[in-house]
Each structure stands twice: as structure tokens, then as C-alpha cells.
């Protein structure tokens, strides 16, 4: 089929897709609670002729448009969950759920995938292969929803996959792409320090867990600055510290929680050992004890170069070469799309959503974050064109 016909269809349904995005934005749902989102998505897809596969364990779903079982199958993934943030954009479609908002653009990802699905369904009889849409829950959870979707067959029979993410650091009408490693692994850890309480006026009779913690924090920060090759970026960040009961009591228990980000598996595997060596040494010297729990999360997001070529080739035709930005360096944020890329070749790209006049240049995970609606058509066209280009290639 000619891609120009697809683009014309996308333009025709763009206002509807915008309304869908506003509905999703006004009704955000946290990880594991995407019920409204699922059933809105399901109804639209069924009306467009997709075969729906649901789960009893979560609100994710898989939608298939099968034209030829012997042909290639391309997948397009969208995440659906929101964040526990009180929205402050003041937009007419602002969140109606107290303390919950789409502060990372997943409403736009879902709307773009839906719009692409609607448009492709119009040409089912002329599609050069099969299309699968993966609507994934719980991307923002520490486990990531992609693993459960994969376990339930989301990639069964899939030959390639595409995904995108709203990006307020590029302007609407631009995309960002990256060959190879694009995003970091994302691990989490919990440290518990156990001391011994005493009166604040007699600190020598206790073991100050807060002082031990301060020494550990200092030591952990030196791991990246002094023990990791600076050519292999790594981040160790502490997000929470909890400890102490009163100003005149030596604290006997502190809990620290944080995250580690790397873009090198060797460094990733070495960091937990370095962290525990530091924690153990300090606790031993201060007569304290500890628990250290380290959980490996999503791996590095590594794009397939040939799949990136497809995205870039099609994007240049749609928005012009000057608007296709090579991001060159990976970022230390994590993304569970990486789990799909461990199994099938794929490409993840950034969709520019910054428009100063519409105040959509605010960073993600911010109470004033929003997406420029004009970016939706750009995302649909590039995603649809990339999917068609992949299907038109001969199956190995």
C-alpha cells in the first residue's frame, strides 16, 4: 500500500485521536490500576476489527490484525500508566483524579498507538503483513509491566517491534534517534542500618545509626567518582532516608532506598559488590550491623541498528532530515521497552513535544508536564510508516 494514503487517513482521524488523548489525560491511572484505559482502548480496537487478547492478572492487552499468517509480524508498543503527582497545568483536560496525572506522556503514547491502529485497519486487505499492538500496564513500577506481557505471549510470532516516548527536550516536528545503547539499566536497592539507641547526652553508650549512614552515603558517592572508569557512566542515587524518633535519642535504625543506573553490564554487575564492601566496612568499624537488598531491574535499552535505519529513513521523508536528531549519547533514565529488545530486534525513538507557546516544554515527572497535541500526528505517521516499511521487507 502507498504510505501517502495512510498519512491522509491519519490526518482525517487526528482530531479524534486528540480527543482520546485528552480523555486519557483527564482519567489517569497508576500502575496496576489501568482499568478505564484498558476498556477505552479495547472498545476502539474491537470496533476497528482487531482480535483482542486479555489477561486475568493485569490490565494490559494485545491486539492483532492478521492478514497472512505466513507473513512478517510487526509490533507497536504503548505504555498506559500514570504517576502519583498532583497536576498543575490548568489545562481544560487536566487530571480529574486527585494526586494522579500523566506526567510522563503515556497518554500520548496510548493515543498515538490507537490512532496508528485505526489508520492501519482501514487498509487491512492491502497490508504486506501482520500488525500487533501491545498496550502495556505498569511501566512506572519497579518491576516493569513488559516482563509480564512477554510471559503471556506478547512477542510470540513477532519479527520486530517499535516504540516511542514523548520528549520535551525536542520541539514538536522533531524526533530523536540513537543507534545501539540508548538508555541505562535501572536497578534499585534498600539499605538498613542497625545501631543501638541511647540518650542524646550520652552518645558513647549507643551506636548512632544516623552517623553510620552519613559515612555510608559519603562512601557510596565515591564509588562512581573514584572506582568506576569515567568512560563508563554510572549513577548511584539515594531517594529516601528514614530514621530517628526524637531529637534527644541516638537513632538505632535507618532505612535508605535508591537507584543505580549504568550502560555497561560489567560495571552494572560490579557495583553491588562495591556497595556492600563499603557498607560492611563502615558498619564493622562503627559496631553497627546492616541488611543490603539489591534488585536488578530493567536492562540497558539497546536498539537494533537496522530497525533504527527504518525509523530514520521514514522520518526524514515525513518531517525532513534536519528534524531528525541523532542523540549520540545515551541517557541514564530507564525504560522497560528494553525487555522486548532482548528478544526481538526493534527501535525506540524520541518524539519531540516541546512547544513554548503551549507550555509543553516542561520535563517529565513534573506537575506542569504536558504534550503538544500537534505531535500526535507526527508520531502516528512515523510509527505507521516504519511498521509498513518493516513489513514490506522479505521475511528471512
Protein backbone atom coordinates (compact mmCIF):
# COMPACT_ATOMS: atom_id res chain seq x y z
CA UNK A 1 0.00 0.00 0.00
CA UNK A 2 1.09 3.58 -0.55
CA UNK A 3 2.08 5.34 2.66
CA UNK A 4 0.54 8.61 1.46
CA UNK A 5 -2.91 7.06 1.80
CA UNK A 6 -2.08 6.13 5.37
CA UNK A 7 -0.98 9.70 6.10
CA UNK A 8 -4.22 11.08 4.67
CA UNK A 9 -6.21 8.75 6.92
CA UNK A 10 -4.17 9.85 9.93
CA UNK A 11 -4.95 13.49 9.19
CA UNK A 12 -8.64 12.63 8.97
CA UNK A 13 -8.71 10.92 12.38
CA UNK A 14 -6.28 13.29 14.12
CA UNK A 15 -8.97 15.29 15.93
CA UNK A 16 -10.48 12.06 17.23
CA UNK A 17 -7.08 10.87 18.46
CA UNK A 18 -6.59 14.21 20.21
CA UNK A 19 -9.92 13.75 21.99
CA UNK A 20 -8.83 10.26 23.05
CA UNK A 21 -5.59 11.68 24.44
CA UNK A 22 -7.50 14.31 26.41
CA UNK A 23 -9.83 11.64 27.82
CA UNK A 24 -6.86 9.54 28.91
CA UNK A 25 -5.13 12.58 30.38
CA UNK A 26 -8.22 13.52 32.38
CA UNK A 27 -8.56 9.97 33.74
CA UNK A 28 -5.03 8.89 34.67
CA UNK A 29 -4.47 5.58 36.43
CA UNK A 30 -1.50 4.38 38.43
CA UNK A 31 0.49 1.24 37.65
CA UNK A 32 -1.67 -1.84 38.07
CA UNK A 33 -4.92 0.16 38.01
CA UNK A 34 -5.32 0.97 34.29
CA UNK A 35 -8.94 -0.24 34.08
CA UNK A 36 -10.56 2.79 32.38
CA UNK A 37 -7.64 3.00 29.95
CA UNK A 38 -7.84 -0.68 29.05
CA UNK A 39 -11.54 -0.71 28.30
CA UNK A 40 -11.39 2.52 26.31
CA UNK A 41 -8.55 1.03 24.23
CA UNK A 42 -10.30 -2.33 23.89
CA UNK A 43 -13.55 -0.82 22.63
CA UNK A 44 -11.85 1.23 19.95
CA UNK A 45 -9.70 -1.67 18.76
CA UNK A 46 -12.60 -4.12 18.59
CA UNK A 47 -14.56 -1.62 16.53
CA UNK A 48 -11.63 -1.49 14.11
CA UNK A 49 -11.58 -5.27 13.67
CA UNK A 50 -8.67 -6.28 15.91
CA UNK A 51 -8.51 -9.60 17.71
CA UNK A 52 -8.03 -8.83 21.41
CA UNK A 53 -6.13 -10.97 23.90
CA UNK A 54 -6.66 -10.01 27.54
CA UNK A 55 -5.09 -11.06 30.83
CA UNK A 56 -6.64 -12.08 34.12
CA UNK A 57 -3.61 -10.77 36.00
CA UNK A 58 -3.43 -7.14 34.83
CA UNK A 59 -5.00 -4.53 32.55
CA UNK A 60 -2.65 -4.93 29.60
CA UNK A 61 -3.90 -6.26 26.29
CA UNK A 62 -2.66 -7.43 22.90
CA UNK A 63 -4.42 -6.51 19.65
CA UNK A 64 -3.76 -8.36 16.40
CA UNK A 65 -4.56 -7.51 12.81
CA UNK A 66 -3.71 -10.69 10.88
CA UNK A 67 -3.58 -10.60 7.09
CA UNK A 68 -1.30 -13.55 6.31
CA UNK A 69 -0.05 -15.95 8.97
CA UNK A 70 3.00 -16.75 6.85
CA UNK A 71 4.00 -13.09 6.53
CA UNK A 72 6.03 -10.91 8.86
CA UNK A 73 4.52 -9.52 12.06
CA UNK A 74 5.48 -6.12 13.42
CA UNK A 75 4.61 -4.98 16.93
CA UNK A 76 3.99 -1.48 18.23
CA UNK A 77 4.08 -0.96 21.99
CA UNK A 78 2.45 1.73 24.12
CA UNK A 79 2.58 2.08 27.91
CA UNK A 80 -0.55 3.26 29.73
CA UNK A 81 0.11 4.10 33.40
CA UNK A 82 0.33 7.47 35.13
CA UNK A 83 2.26 8.86 38.11
CA UNK A 84 1.37 9.85 41.71
CA UNK A 85 1.68 13.60 41.09
CA UNK A 86 -0.89 16.39 41.58
CA UNK A 87 -1.35 18.10 38.21
CA UNK A 88 -0.82 21.87 38.00
CA UNK A 89 -1.10 22.57 34.26
CA UNK A 90 -4.51 24.25 34.45
CA UNK A 91 -5.47 22.72 31.07
CA UNK A 92 -9.17 22.02 30.35
CA UNK A 93 -8.39 18.30 30.20
CA UNK A 94 -6.36 18.27 33.43
CA UNK A 95 -6.47 15.21 35.64
CA UNK A 96 -9.73 14.65 37.50
CA UNK A 97 -8.01 12.17 39.83
CA UNK A 98 -6.53 13.77 42.94
CA UNK A 99 -2.82 13.14 43.22
CA UNK A 100 -2.54 11.28 39.90
CA UNK A 101 -1.50 12.62 36.49
CA UNK A 102 0.01 11.67 33.17
CA UNK A 103 3.33 13.36 33.86
CA UNK A 104 5.38 11.18 31.52
CA UNK A 105 3.33 11.24 28.33
CA UNK A 106 1.91 7.72 28.43
CA UNK A 107 -1.47 9.15 27.48
CA UNK A 108 0.07 10.36 24.22
CA UNK A 109 1.82 7.01 23.65
CA UNK A 110 -1.51 5.19 24.02
CA UNK A 111 -3.35 7.67 21.80
CA UNK A 112 -0.67 7.50 19.08
CA UNK A 113 -0.74 3.70 19.07
CA UNK A 114 -4.55 3.73 18.93
CA UNK A 115 -4.56 6.21 16.07
CA UNK A 116 -1.98 4.16 14.18
CA UNK A 117 -4.08 1.04 14.76
CA UNK A 118 -7.25 2.73 13.49
CA UNK A 119 -5.48 4.00 10.37
CA UNK A 120 -3.79 0.68 9.52
CA UNK A 121 -7.07 -1.19 9.95
CA UNK A 122 -8.52 0.88 7.11
CA UNK A 123 -6.07 -0.88 4.77
CA UNK A 124 -6.23 -4.41 6.16
CA UNK A 125 -6.72 -6.06 2.76
CA UNK A 126 -3.61 -4.40 1.33
CA UNK A 127 -1.22 -4.65 4.29
CA UNK A 128 2.01 -6.51 3.44
CA UNK A 129 1.98 -8.37 6.76
CA UNK A 130 0.53 -8.62 10.25
CA UNK A 131 0.39 -5.92 12.91
CA UNK A 132 0.29 -6.37 16.69
CA UNK A 133 -0.31 -3.61 19.21
CA UNK A 134 0.91 -4.15 22.76
CA UNK A 135 -0.82 -1.92 25.31
CA UNK A 136 1.28 -2.37 28.41
CA UNK A 137 0.50 -1.55 32.05
CA UNK A 138 2.88 -0.69 34.88
CA UNK A 139 5.86 0.76 33.05
CA UNK A 140 6.42 3.07 36.01
CA UNK A 141 6.51 0.23 38.54
CA UNK A 142 9.85 -1.09 39.76
CA UNK A 143 9.23 -4.48 38.13
CA UNK A 144 8.05 -3.03 34.82
CA UNK A 145 4.99 -4.41 33.04
CA UNK A 146 6.84 -5.56 29.93
CA UNK A 147 8.11 -8.80 31.50
CA UNK A 148 4.60 -9.97 32.34
CA UNK A 149 3.37 -9.09 28.85
CA UNK A 150 6.23 -11.11 27.37
CA UNK A 151 5.47 -14.08 29.63
CA UNK A 152 1.91 -14.02 28.35
CA UNK A 153 2.97 -14.16 24.71
CA UNK A 154 3.18 -10.54 23.60
CA UNK A 155 6.18 -11.32 21.39
CA UNK A 156 5.10 -14.75 20.15
CA UNK A 157 5.47 -14.70 16.37
CA UNK A 158 6.72 -11.09 16.35
CA UNK A 159 9.60 -10.30 13.99
CA UNK A 160 10.27 -6.70 15.01
CA UNK A 161 9.00 -4.01 17.37
CA UNK A 162 8.81 -0.22 17.55
CA UNK A 163 8.18 2.14 20.44
CA UNK A 164 8.36 5.86 21.12
CA UNK A 165 8.42 8.28 24.02
CA UNK A 166 7.25 11.87 24.31
CA UNK A 167 10.30 14.12 24.69
CA UNK A 168 10.02 17.75 25.84
CA UNK A 169 13.69 18.42 25.04
CA UNK A 170 12.95 18.34 21.30
CA UNK A 171 10.44 20.57 19.54
CA UNK A 172 7.22 19.33 18.02
CA UNK A 173 8.01 18.14 14.50
CA UNK A 174 11.36 16.66 15.54
CA UNK A 175 12.41 13.18 16.58
CA UNK A 176 15.50 11.91 18.35
CA UNK A 177 17.11 8.59 17.49
CA UNK A 178 20.06 6.62 18.82
CA UNK A 179 21.93 3.64 17.45
CA UNK A 180 22.93 0.94 19.94
CA UNK A 181 22.66 1.68 23.67
CA UNK A 182 20.05 4.41 24.15
CA UNK A 183 19.09 4.19 27.83
CA UNK A 184 20.58 2.85 31.04
CA UNK A 185 19.74 -0.17 33.13
CA UNK A 186 17.63 0.68 36.17
CA UNK A 187 18.25 -1.17 39.44
CA UNK A 188 17.03 -0.40 42.96
CA UNK A 189 18.43 -1.06 46.41
CA UNK A 190 17.50 -0.84 50.09
CA UNK A 191 20.00 -0.47 52.92
CA UNK A 192 19.06 -0.92 56.58
CA UNK A 193 21.49 0.21 59.28
CA UNK A 194 21.06 -1.11 62.84
CA UNK A 195 22.72 0.71 65.72
CA UNK A 196 21.90 0.98 69.42
CA UNK A 197 19.81 3.72 70.99
CA UNK A 198 20.97 5.85 73.90
CA UNK A 199 20.34 9.24 75.44
CA UNK A 200 21.43 12.07 73.18
CA UNK A 201 23.60 13.43 76.01
CA UNK A 202 25.46 10.10 76.32
CA UNK A 203 26.25 9.10 72.71
CA UNK A 204 29.13 6.82 73.78
CA UNK A 205 26.60 4.38 75.23
CA UNK A 206 24.92 3.83 71.85
CA UNK A 207 25.72 3.22 68.20
CA UNK A 208 24.49 6.14 66.12
CA UNK A 209 22.82 4.73 63.01
CA UNK A 210 22.49 8.23 61.54
CA UNK A 211 26.23 8.86 61.79
CA UNK A 212 26.94 5.43 60.26
CA UNK A 213 24.51 6.27 57.47
CA UNK A 214 26.23 9.59 56.76
CA UNK A 215 29.56 7.80 56.40
CA UNK A 216 27.98 5.22 54.09
CA UNK A 217 26.41 7.90 51.90
CA UNK A 218 29.76 9.58 51.52
CA UNK A 219 31.43 6.28 50.66
CA UNK A 220 28.77 5.30 48.09
CA UNK A 221 29.25 8.58 46.24
CA UNK A 222 32.96 7.83 45.94
CA UNK A 223 32.26 4.58 44.09
CA UNK A 224 31.28 6.43 40.92
CA UNK A 225 33.84 9.20 41.24
CA UNK A 226 36.83 7.04 42.18
CA UNK A 227 36.20 3.36 41.47
CA UNK A 228 34.37 3.37 38.11
CA UNK A 229 36.09 4.10 34.81
CA UNK A 230 34.82 7.59 33.83
CA UNK A 231 34.40 6.32 30.26
CA UNK A 232 31.59 4.06 31.54
CA UNK A 233 28.92 6.34 33.06
CA UNK A 234 27.16 5.21 36.22
CA UNK A 235 24.78 6.79 38.71
CA UNK A 236 24.14 5.86 42.33
CA UNK A 237 21.33 7.98 43.75
CA UNK A 238 19.66 7.86 47.15
CA UNK A 239 15.98 8.76 47.00
CA UNK A 240 14.81 8.30 50.59
CA UNK A 241 16.29 8.21 54.10
CA UNK A 242 14.16 7.29 57.10
CA UNK A 243 15.42 7.23 60.67
CA UNK A 244 15.22 8.66 64.15
CA UNK A 245 12.45 9.15 66.68
CA UNK A 246 13.33 12.23 68.72
CA UNK A 247 15.95 14.96 68.90
CA UNK A 248 17.44 13.65 72.17
CA UNK A 249 17.64 9.94 71.28
CA UNK A 250 20.56 8.33 69.48
CA UNK A 251 19.00 6.71 66.44
CA UNK A 252 19.20 2.92 66.25
CA UNK A 253 17.66 2.24 62.82
CA UNK A 254 17.90 3.92 59.40
CA UNK A 255 16.50 2.81 56.04
CA UNK A 256 17.90 4.13 52.75
CA UNK A 257 16.45 3.48 49.30
CA UNK A 258 17.92 4.40 45.97
CA UNK A 259 18.65 3.53 42.36
CA UNK A 260 21.67 2.57 40.26
CA UNK A 261 21.93 3.33 36.54
CA UNK A 262 24.62 2.04 34.17
CA UNK A 263 25.13 1.48 30.44
CA UNK A 264 27.72 -1.29 30.80
CA UNK A 265 26.86 -4.78 32.07
CA UNK A 266 30.32 -5.37 33.58
CA UNK A 267 30.06 -2.16 35.60
CA UNK A 268 26.46 -2.98 36.50
CA UNK A 269 27.42 -6.34 37.95
CA UNK A 270 30.39 -4.91 39.87
CA UNK A 271 28.57 -2.07 41.63
CA UNK A 272 26.56 -4.16 44.15
CA UNK A 273 29.77 -5.79 45.40
CA UNK A 274 31.45 -2.41 45.73
CA UNK A 275 28.46 -1.01 47.61
CA UNK A 276 28.30 -3.88 50.06
CA UNK A 277 32.04 -3.76 50.69
CA UNK A 278 31.70 -0.09 51.66
CA UNK A 279 28.65 -0.70 53.83
CA UNK A 280 30.19 -3.67 55.59
CA UNK A 281 33.50 -1.95 56.26
CA UNK A 282 31.88 1.12 57.81
CA UNK A 283 29.40 -0.87 59.88
CA UNK A 284 32.15 -3.12 61.20
CA UNK A 285 34.30 -0.17 62.21
CA UNK A 286 31.35 1.54 63.96
CA UNK A 287 29.93 -1.58 65.67
CA UNK A 288 26.73 -1.44 63.62
CA UNK A 289 25.01 -4.13 61.55
CA UNK A 290 23.17 -3.92 58.24
CA UNK A 291 20.88 -5.50 55.65
CA UNK A 292 21.56 -4.85 51.98
CA UNK A 293 18.98 -5.73 49.33
CA UNK A 294 19.82 -5.11 45.67
CA UNK A 295 17.33 -5.78 42.86
CA UNK A 296 18.35 -5.85 39.22
CA UNK A 297 15.65 -4.09 37.20
CA UNK A 298 15.34 -3.30 33.52
CA UNK A 299 18.49 -3.81 31.44
CA UNK A 300 20.06 -1.27 29.11
CA UNK A 301 17.86 -0.32 26.17
CA UNK A 302 19.82 -1.40 23.11
CA UNK A 303 18.33 -0.52 19.73
CA UNK A 304 18.83 -2.68 16.66
CA UNK A 305 20.69 -0.57 14.11
CA UNK A 306 18.71 -1.85 11.11
CA UNK A 307 15.46 -1.03 12.87
CA UNK A 308 16.73 2.47 13.68
CA UNK A 309 17.59 2.83 9.98
CA UNK A 310 13.93 2.18 9.14
CA UNK A 311 12.69 4.82 11.60
CA UNK A 312 15.18 7.43 10.39
CA UNK A 313 14.55 6.70 6.71
CA UNK A 314 10.80 7.13 7.07
CA UNK A 315 11.04 10.09 9.44
CA UNK A 316 13.25 12.01 7.02
CA UNK A 317 10.57 11.67 4.35
CA UNK A 318 7.86 12.89 6.72
CA UNK A 319 9.49 15.70 8.72
CA UNK A 320 12.73 16.35 6.83
CA UNK A 321 16.31 15.33 7.53
CA UNK A 322 17.03 18.48 9.54
CA UNK A 323 14.35 17.50 12.07
CA UNK A 324 15.78 14.03 12.70
CA UNK A 325 18.25 14.46 15.57
CA UNK A 326 20.99 11.94 16.31
CA UNK A 327 21.03 11.94 20.12
CA UNK A 328 24.60 10.49 20.04
CA UNK A 329 24.89 9.84 23.79
CA UNK A 330 22.68 7.53 25.86
CA UNK A 331 20.70 8.89 28.81
CA UNK A 332 20.70 7.42 32.31
CA UNK A 333 16.94 7.03 32.51
CA UNK A 334 15.49 3.51 32.40
CA UNK A 335 12.71 2.11 30.22
CA UNK A 336 11.26 -1.41 30.28
CA UNK A 337 10.91 -1.43 26.48
CA UNK A 338 14.44 -2.80 26.85
CA UNK A 339 12.96 -6.19 27.80
CA UNK A 340 11.31 -6.52 24.39
CA UNK A 341 14.57 -5.64 22.67
CA UNK A 342 16.34 -8.52 24.40
CA UNK A 343 14.10 -10.90 22.44
CA UNK A 344 13.30 -9.30 19.06
CA UNK A 345 15.00 -6.57 17.03
CA UNK A 346 13.43 -3.18 17.49
CA UNK A 347 13.87 0.57 17.77
CA UNK A 348 12.80 3.10 20.37
CA UNK A 349 12.79 6.78 19.43
CA UNK A 350 12.01 10.14 21.00
CA UNK A 351 9.08 12.21 19.76
CA UNK A 352 9.52 15.95 20.18
CA UNK A 353 6.65 17.57 22.12
CA UNK A 354 8.07 20.96 23.10
CA UNK A 355 6.01 23.99 22.07
CA UNK A 356 6.79 27.12 24.08
CA UNK A 357 3.51 28.79 23.14
CA UNK A 358 1.56 25.86 24.55
CA UNK A 359 3.82 25.47 27.60
CA UNK A 360 4.74 21.87 26.75
CA UNK A 361 8.50 22.11 27.27
CA UNK A 362 8.45 21.09 30.94
CA UNK A 363 10.40 17.97 31.86
CA UNK A 364 8.72 14.63 32.60
CA UNK A 365 7.64 13.69 36.13
CA UNK A 366 6.79 17.34 36.75
CA UNK A 367 3.36 18.62 37.85
CA UNK A 368 3.27 21.02 34.86
CA UNK A 369 4.21 18.46 32.20
CA UNK A 370 2.01 18.22 29.11
CA UNK A 371 2.28 17.08 25.50
CA UNK A 372 1.70 19.23 22.42
CA UNK A 373 -1.26 17.69 20.59
CA UNK A 374 0.35 18.59 17.26
CA UNK A 375 2.96 15.90 17.95
CA UNK A 376 0.36 13.13 17.81
CA UNK A 377 0.04 13.10 14.02
CA UNK A 378 3.82 13.15 13.66
CA UNK A 379 4.10 10.12 15.91
CA UNK A 380 1.33 8.23 14.10
CA UNK A 381 2.81 8.86 10.67
CA UNK A 382 6.33 7.82 11.60
CA UNK A 383 5.15 4.77 13.55
CA UNK A 384 2.80 3.69 10.78
CA UNK A 385 5.36 4.24 8.03
CA UNK A 386 8.07 2.38 9.95
CA UNK A 387 5.73 -0.56 10.53
CA UNK A 388 4.81 -0.73 6.84
CA UNK A 389 8.43 -0.45 5.74
CA UNK A 390 9.39 -3.32 8.03
CA UNK A 391 6.55 -5.49 6.74
CA UNK A 392 7.48 -4.81 3.14
CA UNK A 393 10.91 -6.35 3.68
CA UNK A 394 11.17 -10.05 2.95
CA UNK A 395 10.98 -12.41 5.90
CA UNK A 396 14.36 -14.15 6.42
